[in-house]
Structures are given as C-alpha cells and as structure tokens.
Amino acid sequence: MTEDRLALFELIDQSADNDLVRDMLAFAAGRLMEMEVEAHTGAAPGARSADRKTYRNGYRERAWDTRAGRIDLDIPKLRKGSYFPSFLEPRRTAEKALTAVIQEAYIKGISTRAVDDLVKAMGGTGISKSQVSRLCEEIDERVQAFLNRPIEGEWPYLWIDATYIKSRQGGRIVSTAAIVAVGANAEGKREVLGLATGESEAEPFWKDFLRSLTARGLRGVKLVIADDHKGLRAAASKVLNTSQQRCRVHWMRNVLGRVGKTHRAAVAALVKTVFVQETQEAAREQWRSVADNLRERFNSVAELMDASEEDVLAYMVFPKEHWTQIHSTNPLERLNKEIKRRTNVVGIFPNDAAIIRLVGALLLEQNDEWALTRRYMSLESLARIVDNPVLSLPGVGN
C-alpha cells in the first residue's frame, strides 16, 4: 500500500503535466484490476494460500478510450477461467441510449448523412429491428423507473427549463419542447424530478406536467424558477399554489433586444444597479428609478420593467444566501448544453419516445453525479423557509 501511495503522490507532483488526469486514471485502473484479480485467484501475487483458486498467466494489452484520452491497459490473464475488468463491461446508460436512438433513426429511414456515418462507425449497418427493439426496451425500463420514481420530502425550489429538439411526427418535422424539472430539497440536495415533451407550451400542457409531479409526491414548493413560458405562471399558481421567478438572464436579453447596439452597454449597466442592492426594498426602489430614467429615451424598456417587476424580483423574498442560485435558470446551463450536444448528434429524432430515451438517460446520469456532490444549499438557510426543517444529517457534507 505504501508503494501505491508513493506512486500516486509522484503522479500528483506532476501538476504541470497535461497528461496528469490520464495518468492518474491509468494508475487507478491498474490498482482496480489488481484487486479484482486477487479476488478471482483468492490470493495476492506470489503468496501461498490455501484459499488460492488459480494462478495468473501474464497479461494481454487493450486500449481503453476515455474522456481523458486513450489509456493502454495490461489486463491480467488467468490459467483457469477468465477475467475482464468490471469498469469496461457496462457502457454508460447515456451512450447506450444515443446508440439506440441513432440506430432507430437509421432503421426508420430518416437518418441524415451524419447519422448514416455514425451507424457505420458503430458497425450497425446490418442491425435488425428486433435488436434495436431489445436495446430500446432495456434503456426505457431504466429511464422510466427513474422518471416515475416517488418524490419524497419538501422541495422549496423548482427550476424548469425547455430545450427544443426536432422530431418527426405524422410525416412532418416539428420542433418539440423537452421540459426538464430540477428541484432542491429540504436537505439541500438537487435532483432531476421530471421530463416531458410537447409541441405546445400552453397552460394545459404545464398543468399536466406539474400535476404529474405532484401525483408522484412533489410538495412544499415555494418558488418556481423558469423563463417566461406561456401558461406556466398560471399553471404554477393553480397546481402548486406558488409564485414564479422569471429567469433574470433571459429577461436581460429581452431588455437589450429593445435597445440599439450602441446603447446596450449603458442600459445594461444601469439596469444591473438594481441587482446589487442589499435588500428587496432597496432593489424595488432602484428598479422604479431606473425605469423612470429610461422612459423618455427607451420607453419600450421602461414598459417591460413596469410589467415584470414582480416576476424578476420574486427571488429577493427568499434568503440572501440563495439569491445566486434562484434568480435564473443558469444552474441548469451545463445540463442543457450536454443535452444539446448529444441531441445534435441525432439531428431529427424518429419520435418523442426516442427523445425521452436519450434525454432521460442523460438526466439519470446527471442525477447520479449530484447525489455524490456536496449540498447545493445549507441546512441552516433552508430551515428558514421549509415547513419541516432538517436540523442535521450525519455523514453528509455541508
């Protein structure tokens, strides 16, 4: 163990080396294989033991493509039986889903040249409909179990955002909204709570989506953070009995869209003085002052500010420690970029089920990552707004 630690420290000391991450990953992979082989053989290398089942028999080389680059592995061989590293066996759910969606598009004859090339690269030119169907069923089972799981506890904050994806419906190509809902619970942890697709974002669509969340147990929502989606505000009020925070980032884009390029920097600087105020009262006073100052020269901006004050400043009712996270949908930005990156590979999806399959798999993996990270918000700050505060969680980082 001491030699392993010295080897690891030597890698860490090479902090200026661009290959550090890949080298550390190779080191970890090597140690994991050694431990797994020891469990297979029943004894450490060279050790005499009554529990020994078999002996090692050299190594075989295999290239491992990772996000950090290609790693050359020396996989131990056994005299009796076989060994294959556990970390190479399962492909990531999202990668399986992407493969399934591309193959389904290919079989249904709606693939573009890019999809065609991808299928050939994966060796899928001869794949059958039944094979694709089995792969889709395997992924759908996992994704649906994740998306329909019970929602437990209180969720004071709910972020909702939409990504638009092209799909084929009834012989025509339409832009479909993939709606993602993420919540922060009373324990300060984030989770993906829901996913839905639809052509329309009218109030009935939002009501159905929010009711599907409440049917699974969503409760205790104090604020919905979203862009100015048509019908969402009314649906949130009726279904969740809560207010909505209009995404401040998108709102600012709407403001600057009403101003000529030469004046945008000045108007942006003036409007931003609202958001640096220390209290809600000061922010509201500054908001009205800025609107009045802009009214004569930029009346359309002043009118927008008059109409949206309550929506854009709604977050200031909540603890100041939360303002950075709840004034916009920016906390979902990285997630949305990954969704866009993966869905752009497909281009046009064969149906909505394929969208749910791929996006749902990505959300499942993101949820797993969040489960291993520190709390997004502190218990102390959340205790001021939830009905049943969590006072402590042994073993969970603050």
Protein backbone atom coordinates (compact mmCIF):
# COMPACT_ATOMS: atom_id res chain seq x y z
CA MET A 1 0.00 0.00 0.00
CA THR A 2 2.93 2.34 0.79
CA GLU A 3 4.38 1.82 -2.70
CA ASP A 4 0.97 2.55 -4.23
CA ARG A 5 0.69 5.80 -2.29
CA LEU A 6 4.21 6.86 -3.31
CA ALA A 7 3.38 6.16 -6.94
CA LEU A 8 0.17 8.18 -6.67
CA PHE A 9 1.96 11.10 -4.98
CA GLU A 10 4.55 11.04 -7.75
CA LEU A 11 1.75 11.46 -10.30
CA ILE A 12 0.17 14.27 -8.31
CA ASP A 13 3.52 16.09 -8.14
CA GLN A 14 3.50 16.23 -11.94
CA SER A 15 0.88 19.00 -11.77
CA ALA A 16 2.31 20.79 -14.79
CA ASP A 17 1.90 17.70 -16.96
CA ASN A 18 -1.12 17.88 -19.30
CA ASP A 19 -1.43 14.09 -19.08
CA LEU A 20 -1.91 14.11 -15.30
CA VAL A 21 -5.59 13.14 -15.37
CA ARG A 22 -5.00 10.33 -17.84
CA ASP A 23 -2.02 9.02 -15.84
CA MET A 24 -3.98 9.07 -12.60
CA LEU A 25 -6.87 7.28 -14.29
CA ALA A 26 -4.46 4.64 -15.63
CA PHE A 27 -2.98 4.23 -12.15
CA ALA A 28 -6.44 3.79 -10.60
CA ALA A 29 -7.46 1.31 -13.31
CA GLY A 30 -4.33 -0.73 -12.71
CA ARG A 31 -4.94 -0.91 -8.98
CA LEU A 32 -8.60 -1.82 -9.50
CA MET A 33 -7.63 -4.68 -11.83
CA GLU A 34 -5.09 -5.95 -9.30
CA MET A 35 -7.72 -6.01 -6.56
CA GLU A 36 -10.30 -7.72 -8.79
CA VAL A 37 -7.81 -10.38 -9.93
CA GLU A 38 -6.75 -11.00 -6.34
CA ALA A 39 -10.41 -11.67 -5.52
CA HIS A 40 -10.64 -14.05 -8.51
CA THR A 41 -7.49 -16.00 -7.63
CA GLY A 42 -8.07 -15.99 -3.88
CA ALA A 43 -4.55 -14.80 -3.08
CA ALA A 44 -2.11 -11.96 -3.64
CA PRO A 45 0.60 -12.32 -6.36
CA GLY A 46 3.30 -14.76 -5.23
CA ALA A 47 1.55 -15.53 -1.95
CA ARG A 48 0.99 -19.08 -0.74
CA SER A 49 -2.56 -19.59 0.43
CA ALA A 50 -4.94 -22.49 0.95
CA ASP A 51 -7.66 -20.26 -0.49
CA ARG A 52 -5.94 -19.88 -3.87
CA LYS A 53 -8.23 -20.89 -6.77
CA THR A 54 -5.93 -20.28 -9.74
CA TYR A 55 -2.75 -18.51 -10.83
CA ARG A 56 -2.01 -15.55 -13.04
CA ASN A 57 -0.76 -16.21 -16.55
CA GLY A 58 0.71 -12.99 -17.92
CA TYR A 59 -1.12 -10.03 -19.44
CA ARG A 60 -2.94 -9.00 -22.58
CA GLU A 61 -2.97 -5.47 -23.95
CA ARG A 62 -6.11 -3.49 -24.60
CA ALA A 63 -6.68 0.18 -25.47
CA TRP A 64 -9.25 1.99 -23.31
CA ASP A 65 -10.75 5.16 -24.77
CA THR A 66 -11.74 7.58 -22.01
CA ARG A 67 -12.74 11.23 -21.86
CA ALA A 68 -9.19 11.97 -20.73
CA GLY A 69 -7.71 10.19 -23.77
CA ARG A 70 -6.61 6.68 -24.74
CA ILE A 71 -5.12 4.50 -22.00
CA ASP A 72 -3.16 1.30 -22.71
CA LEU A 73 -4.21 -1.35 -20.22
CA ASP A 74 -2.36 -4.55 -19.28
CA ILE A 75 -5.21 -6.87 -18.36
CA PRO A 76 -4.14 -9.86 -16.25
CA LYS A 77 -4.78 -13.35 -17.64
CA LEU A 78 -5.58 -16.44 -15.55
CA ARG A 79 -4.52 -20.05 -16.00
CA LYS A 80 -8.06 -21.24 -15.32
CA GLY A 81 -11.12 -19.21 -16.17
CA SER A 82 -11.07 -15.67 -17.50
CA TYR A 83 -11.01 -12.14 -16.19
CA PHE A 84 -12.35 -8.91 -17.69
CA PRO A 85 -12.24 -5.56 -15.82
CA SER A 86 -15.61 -4.56 -14.37
CA PHE A 87 -15.18 -0.92 -15.44
CA LEU A 88 -15.01 -1.96 -19.12
CA GLU A 89 -18.11 -4.15 -19.18
CA PRO A 90 -21.08 -1.76 -18.92
CA ARG A 91 -21.33 1.19 -21.24
CA ARG A 92 -22.75 4.37 -19.79
CA THR A 93 -26.55 4.47 -19.99
CA ALA A 94 -26.48 7.72 -21.98
CA GLU A 95 -24.06 6.24 -24.53
CA LYS A 96 -26.31 3.20 -24.92
CA ALA A 97 -29.28 5.49 -25.37
CA LEU A 98 -27.51 7.54 -28.02
CA THR A 99 -26.60 4.36 -29.87
CA ALA A 100 -30.19 3.12 -29.70
CA VAL A 101 -31.66 6.39 -30.93
CA ILE A 102 -29.25 6.63 -33.86
CA GLN A 103 -29.92 3.03 -34.85
CA GLU A 104 -33.67 3.53 -34.59
CA ALA A 105 -33.47 6.62 -36.80
CA TYR A 106 -31.38 4.66 -39.29
CA ILE A 107 -33.80 1.74 -39.48
CA LYS A 108 -36.79 4.03 -39.96
CA GLY A 109 -35.08 5.61 -42.95
CA ILE A 110 -34.95 9.18 -41.66
CA SER A 111 -31.23 9.38 -40.98
CA THR A 112 -29.10 12.18 -42.32
CA ARG A 113 -25.63 11.57 -43.77
CA ALA A 114 -24.12 12.26 -40.35
CA VAL A 115 -26.31 9.63 -38.71
CA ASP A 116 -25.53 7.24 -41.55
CA ASP A 117 -21.80 7.66 -40.92
CA LEU A 118 -22.27 7.18 -37.17
CA VAL A 119 -24.20 3.94 -37.66
CA LYS A 120 -21.49 2.60 -39.96
CA ALA A 121 -18.81 3.62 -37.47
CA MET A 122 -20.64 1.63 -34.80
CA GLY A 123 -20.90 -1.36 -37.11
CA GLY A 124 -24.67 -1.05 -37.19
CA THR A 125 -25.38 -1.29 -40.92
CA GLY A 126 -26.71 -4.81 -40.52
CA ILE A 127 -28.62 -4.33 -37.32
CA SER A 128 -32.15 -5.68 -37.24
CA LYS A 129 -35.33 -4.08 -35.97
CA SER A 130 -35.62 -6.72 -33.25
CA GLN A 131 -32.09 -5.96 -32.00
CA VAL A 132 -32.84 -2.25 -31.81
CA SER A 133 -36.14 -3.01 -30.09
CA ARG A 134 -34.42 -5.07 -27.39
CA LEU A 135 -31.82 -2.36 -26.80
CA CYS A 136 -34.53 0.30 -26.57
CA GLU A 137 -36.57 -1.77 -24.12
CA GLU A 138 -33.56 -2.23 -21.85
CA ILE A 139 -32.86 1.50 -21.72
CA ASP A 140 -36.52 2.52 -21.49
CA GLU A 141 -37.00 0.31 -18.45
CA ARG A 142 -34.23 2.11 -16.55
CA VAL A 143 -35.22 5.59 -17.72
CA GLN A 144 -38.91 5.15 -16.94
CA ALA A 145 -38.15 3.75 -13.48
CA PHE A 146 -36.07 6.86 -12.82
CA LEU A 147 -38.60 9.35 -14.23
CA ASN A 148 -41.54 7.78 -12.40
CA ARG A 149 -39.91 7.20 -9.01
CA PRO A 150 -41.71 8.63 -5.93
CA ILE A 151 -40.76 12.18 -4.91
CA GLU A 152 -40.31 12.36 -1.15
CA GLY A 153 -39.88 15.28 1.26
CA GLU A 154 -40.17 19.03 0.71
CA TRP A 155 -38.83 20.77 -2.40
CA PRO A 156 -38.81 24.55 -1.81
CA TYR A 157 -37.22 25.39 -5.16
CA LEU A 158 -38.15 24.04 -8.59
CA TRP A 159 -36.21 25.01 -11.73
CA ILE A 160 -37.90 24.36 -15.07
CA ASP A 161 -36.30 24.85 -18.46
CA ALA A 162 -37.04 23.84 -22.03
CA THR A 163 -34.75 22.60 -24.79
CA TYR A 164 -36.13 22.46 -28.32
CA ILE A 165 -35.46 19.33 -30.35
CA LYS A 166 -36.55 18.35 -33.85
CA SER A 167 -38.60 15.19 -34.24
CA ARG A 168 -40.73 13.54 -36.89
CA GLN A 169 -44.46 13.41 -36.17
CA GLY A 170 -47.15 12.41 -38.63
CA GLY A 171 -44.86 12.68 -41.62
CA ARG A 172 -43.64 16.20 -40.78
CA ILE A 173 -40.70 17.59 -38.82
CA VAL A 174 -41.66 19.65 -35.77
CA SER A 175 -39.82 21.46 -33.00
CA THR A 176 -40.59 19.64 -29.77
CA ALA A 177 -40.03 21.14 -26.34
CA ALA A 178 -38.20 18.83 -23.91
CA ILE A 179 -39.13 20.17 -20.46
CA VAL A 180 -36.76 19.37 -17.58
CA ALA A 181 -37.63 19.97 -13.91
CA VAL A 182 -34.94 20.07 -11.23
CA GLY A 183 -35.63 20.57 -7.53
CA ALA A 184 -33.69 21.43 -4.38
CA ASN A 185 -35.00 19.64 -1.31
CA ALA A 186 -35.03 20.44 2.40
CA GLU A 187 -31.73 18.56 2.74
CA GLY A 188 -30.07 20.97 0.32
CA LYS A 189 -29.58 18.40 -2.43
CA ARG A 190 -30.52 18.77 -6.10
CA GLU A 191 -32.34 16.10 -8.06
CA VAL A 192 -33.87 15.79 -11.51
CA LEU A 193 -37.59 15.44 -10.85
CA GLY A 194 -39.24 15.22 -14.25
CA LEU A 195 -39.08 15.25 -18.03
CA ALA A 196 -41.84 15.78 -20.60
CA THR A 197 -42.16 16.58 -24.29
CA GLY A 198 -44.78 18.56 -26.14
CA GLU A 199 -45.39 20.73 -29.19
CA SER A 200 -47.33 23.30 -27.19
CA GLU A 201 -46.42 25.23 -24.05
CA ALA A 202 -49.95 26.47 -23.35
CA GLU A 203 -51.43 26.30 -19.85
CA PRO A 204 -52.97 22.79 -20.24
CA PHE A 205 -49.54 21.38 -21.11
CA TRP A 206 -47.96 22.92 -17.99
CA LYS A 207 -50.85 21.81 -15.79
CA ASP A 208 -50.45 18.21 -16.94
CA PHE A 209 -46.70 18.31 -16.36
CA LEU A 210 -46.92 19.85 -12.87
CA ARG A 211 -49.77 17.51 -11.88
CA SER A 212 -47.64 14.54 -12.89
CA LEU A 213 -45.01 15.76 -10.41
CA THR A 214 -47.49 16.29 -7.59
CA ALA A 215 -49.01 12.86 -8.26
CA ARG A 216 -45.57 11.38 -7.54
CA GLY A 217 -45.32 13.30 -4.27
CA LEU A 218 -43.93 16.77 -5.06
CA ARG A 219 -44.83 19.18 -2.27
CA GLY A 220 -43.58 22.21 -0.37
CA VAL A 221 -42.64 24.23 -3.48
CA LYS A 222 -42.11 27.89 -2.56
CA LEU A 223 -40.74 29.20 -5.86
CA VAL A 224 -40.66 28.05 -9.48
CA ILE A 225 -37.69 29.42 -11.44
CA ALA A 226 -38.21 29.46 -15.21
CA ASP A 227 -38.20 31.55 -18.34
CA ASP A 228 -41.37 33.40 -19.33
CA HIS A 229 -43.06 30.31 -20.76
CA LYS A 230 -46.62 30.86 -21.88
CA GLY A 231 -49.11 29.41 -19.43
CA LEU A 232 -46.55 28.30 -16.80
CA ARG A 233 -47.24 31.12 -14.34
CA ALA A 234 -50.97 30.37 -14.24
CA ALA A 235 -50.37 26.62 -14.02
CA ALA A 236 -47.84 27.02 -11.17
CA SER A 237 -50.29 29.18 -9.24
CA LYS A 238 -53.17 26.73 -9.69
CA VAL A 239 -51.34 23.42 -9.28
CA LEU A 240 -48.55 24.31 -6.83
CA ASN A 241 -50.06 27.41 -5.23
CA THR A 242 -46.73 29.19 -5.60
CA SER A 243 -45.12 32.15 -7.36
CA GLN A 244 -42.68 32.18 -10.26
CA GLN A 245 -39.24 33.74 -10.62
CA ARG A 246 -38.67 34.84 -14.19
CA CYS A 247 -35.16 33.94 -15.30
CA ARG A 248 -33.17 37.14 -14.86
CA VAL A 249 -30.65 36.25 -17.56
CA HIS A 250 -33.32 35.70 -20.24
CA TRP A 251 -35.16 38.82 -19.08
CA MET A 252 -32.00 40.91 -19.52
CA ARG A 253 -31.68 39.60 -23.08
CA ASN A 254 -35.24 40.75 -23.72
CA VAL A 255 -34.34 44.20 -22.37
CA LEU A 256 -31.26 44.56 -24.57
CA GLY A 257 -33.23 43.32 -27.58
CA ARG A 258 -35.24 46.57 -27.32
CA VAL A 259 -32.13 48.76 -27.41
CA GLY A 260 -29.81 49.64 -30.28
CA LYS A 261 -26.31 48.15 -30.22
CA THR A 262 -24.62 51.46 -29.42
CA HIS A 263 -26.65 51.92 -26.22
CA ARG A 264 -26.79 48.34 -24.92
CA ALA A 265 -23.75 48.55 -22.63
CA ALA A 266 -25.01 51.73 -20.96
CA VAL A 267 -28.56 50.39 -20.49
CA ALA A 268 -27.25 47.06 -19.15
CA ALA A 269 -25.02 48.82 -16.63
CA LEU A 270 -27.92 50.97 -15.44
CA VAL A 271 -30.33 48.02 -15.07
CA LYS A 272 -27.73 45.94 -13.22
CA THR A 273 -27.64 48.53 -10.44
CA VAL A 274 -30.98 47.05 -9.34
CA PHE A 275 -29.49 43.62 -8.71
CA VAL A 276 -26.60 44.75 -6.49
CA GLN A 277 -28.93 46.19 -3.86
CA GLU A 278 -28.71 44.57 -0.43
CA THR A 279 -32.46 44.36 0.29
CA GLN A 280 -35.69 43.76 -1.59
CA GLU A 281 -36.98 47.21 -0.65
CA ALA A 282 -33.87 48.95 -1.99
CA ALA A 283 -34.00 46.87 -5.18
CA ARG A 284 -37.62 47.78 -5.84
CA GLU A 285 -36.90 51.47 -5.28
CA GLN A 286 -33.93 51.33 -7.64
CA TRP A 287 -35.99 49.39 -10.20
CA ARG A 288 -38.58 52.15 -10.44
CA SER A 289 -35.89 54.82 -10.55
CA VAL A 290 -34.13 53.08 -13.46
CA ALA A 291 -37.42 52.59 -15.33
CA ASP A 292 -38.23 56.30 -14.97
CA ASN A 293 -34.76 57.30 -16.17
CA LEU A 294 -35.13 55.14 -19.27
CA ARG A 295 -38.72 56.05 -20.04
CA GLU A 296 -38.11 59.08 -22.23
CA ARG A 297 -35.45 57.57 -24.49
CA PHE A 298 -36.20 53.84 -24.20
CA ASN A 299 -39.90 53.66 -23.50
CA SER A 300 -40.25 50.00 -24.53
CA VAL A 301 -37.67 49.03 -21.90
CA ALA A 302 -39.48 51.07 -19.25
CA GLU A 303 -42.77 49.38 -20.15
CA LEU A 304 -41.16 45.95 -19.89
CA MET A 305 -39.81 46.88 -16.45
CA ASP A 306 -43.23 48.13 -15.33
CA ALA A 307 -44.83 44.83 -16.37
CA SER A 308 -42.21 42.44 -14.99
CA GLU A 309 -41.05 43.87 -11.65
CA GLU A 310 -42.83 41.27 -9.53
CA ASP A 311 -41.61 38.34 -11.64
CA VAL A 312 -37.95 39.37 -11.91
CA LEU A 313 -37.52 40.37 -8.24
CA ALA A 314 -39.51 37.47 -6.76
CA TYR A 315 -36.29 35.75 -5.59
CA MET A 316 -35.49 38.57 -3.17
CA VAL A 317 -38.19 37.38 -0.75
CA PHE A 318 -36.02 34.35 0.00
CA PRO A 319 -32.77 34.03 1.99
CA LYS A 320 -29.96 36.09 0.55
CA GLU A 321 -27.69 33.02 0.60
CA HIS A 322 -29.91 31.53 -2.13
CA TRP A 323 -30.13 34.54 -4.45
CA THR A 324 -27.29 33.45 -6.76
CA GLN A 325 -28.92 30.06 -7.37
CA ILE A 326 -32.57 31.10 -7.68
CA HIS A 327 -32.54 34.32 -9.71
CA SER A 328 -32.22 32.43 -13.01
CA THR A 329 -32.18 29.02 -14.68
CA ASN A 330 -28.37 29.23 -15.02
CA PRO A 331 -27.91 26.27 -12.61
CA LEU A 332 -29.27 24.11 -15.46
CA GLU A 333 -26.97 25.62 -18.10
CA ARG A 334 -24.34 22.86 -18.04
CA LEU A 335 -27.04 20.20 -18.15
CA ASN A 336 -28.79 21.86 -21.10
CA LYS A 337 -25.51 22.17 -23.01
CA GLU A 338 -24.92 18.44 -22.60
CA ILE A 339 -28.47 17.69 -23.78
CA LYS A 340 -27.94 19.90 -26.83
CA ARG A 341 -24.58 18.33 -27.59
CA ARG A 342 -25.99 14.80 -27.55
CA THR A 343 -29.27 15.58 -29.34
CA ASN A 344 -27.43 17.49 -32.09
CA VAL A 345 -25.66 14.25 -32.97
CA VAL A 346 -29.01 12.72 -33.88
CA GLY A 347 -30.42 15.81 -35.59
CA ILE A 348 -34.00 14.68 -36.19
CA PHE A 349 -35.48 12.17 -33.74
CA PRO A 350 -37.78 9.45 -35.08
CA ASN A 351 -40.39 10.08 -32.35
CA ASP A 352 -40.93 11.55 -28.87
CA ALA A 353 -40.10 8.22 -27.23
CA ALA A 354 -36.59 8.47 -28.66
CA ILE A 355 -36.21 11.97 -27.15
CA ILE A 356 -37.30 10.71 -23.73
CA ARG A 357 -34.90 7.77 -24.06
CA LEU A 358 -31.78 9.83 -24.74
CA VAL A 359 -32.55 12.91 -22.64
CA GLY A 360 -33.86 10.72 -19.80
CA ALA A 361 -30.63 8.70 -19.80
CA LEU A 362 -28.58 11.91 -19.60
CA LEU A 363 -30.72 13.16 -16.72
CA LEU A 364 -30.33 9.86 -14.87
CA GLU A 365 -26.54 10.14 -15.07
CA GLN A 366 -26.57 13.79 -14.00
CA ASN A 367 -28.75 12.87 -11.04
CA ASP A 368 -26.24 10.20 -10.02
CA GLU A 369 -23.44 12.80 -10.13
CA TRP A 370 -25.40 15.25 -7.99
CA ALA A 371 -26.04 12.51 -5.43
CA LEU A 372 -22.29 12.34 -4.79
CA THR A 373 -21.65 16.09 -4.51
CA ARG A 374 -21.88 18.46 -1.56
CA ARG A 375 -25.18 20.01 -0.63
CA TYR A 376 -26.30 22.75 -3.02
CA MET A 377 -27.75 24.82 -0.15
CA SER A 378 -27.07 24.78 3.57
CA LEU A 379 -29.46 23.25 6.09
CA GLU A 380 -29.38 26.45 8.14
CA SER A 381 -30.55 28.68 5.29
CA LEU A 382 -33.22 26.21 4.15
CA ALA A 383 -34.57 25.89 7.70
CA ARG A 384 -35.90 29.45 7.37
CA ILE A 385 -38.25 28.61 4.50
CA VAL A 386 -39.30 24.93 4.75
CA ASP A 387 -42.20 23.70 6.86
CA ASN A 388 -40.28 20.80 8.39
CA PRO A 389 -36.60 21.79 8.54
CA VAL A 390 -33.83 19.18 8.62
CA LEU A 391 -31.59 20.06 11.56
CA SER A 392 -28.73 17.72 10.81
CA LEU A 393 -27.66 14.90 8.54
CA PRO A 394 -24.83 12.78 9.97
CA GLY A 395 -22.18 11.96 7.42
CA VAL A 396 -23.39 14.41 4.76
CA GLY A 397 -21.19 17.39 3.89
CA ASN A 398 -22.50 20.90 4.44
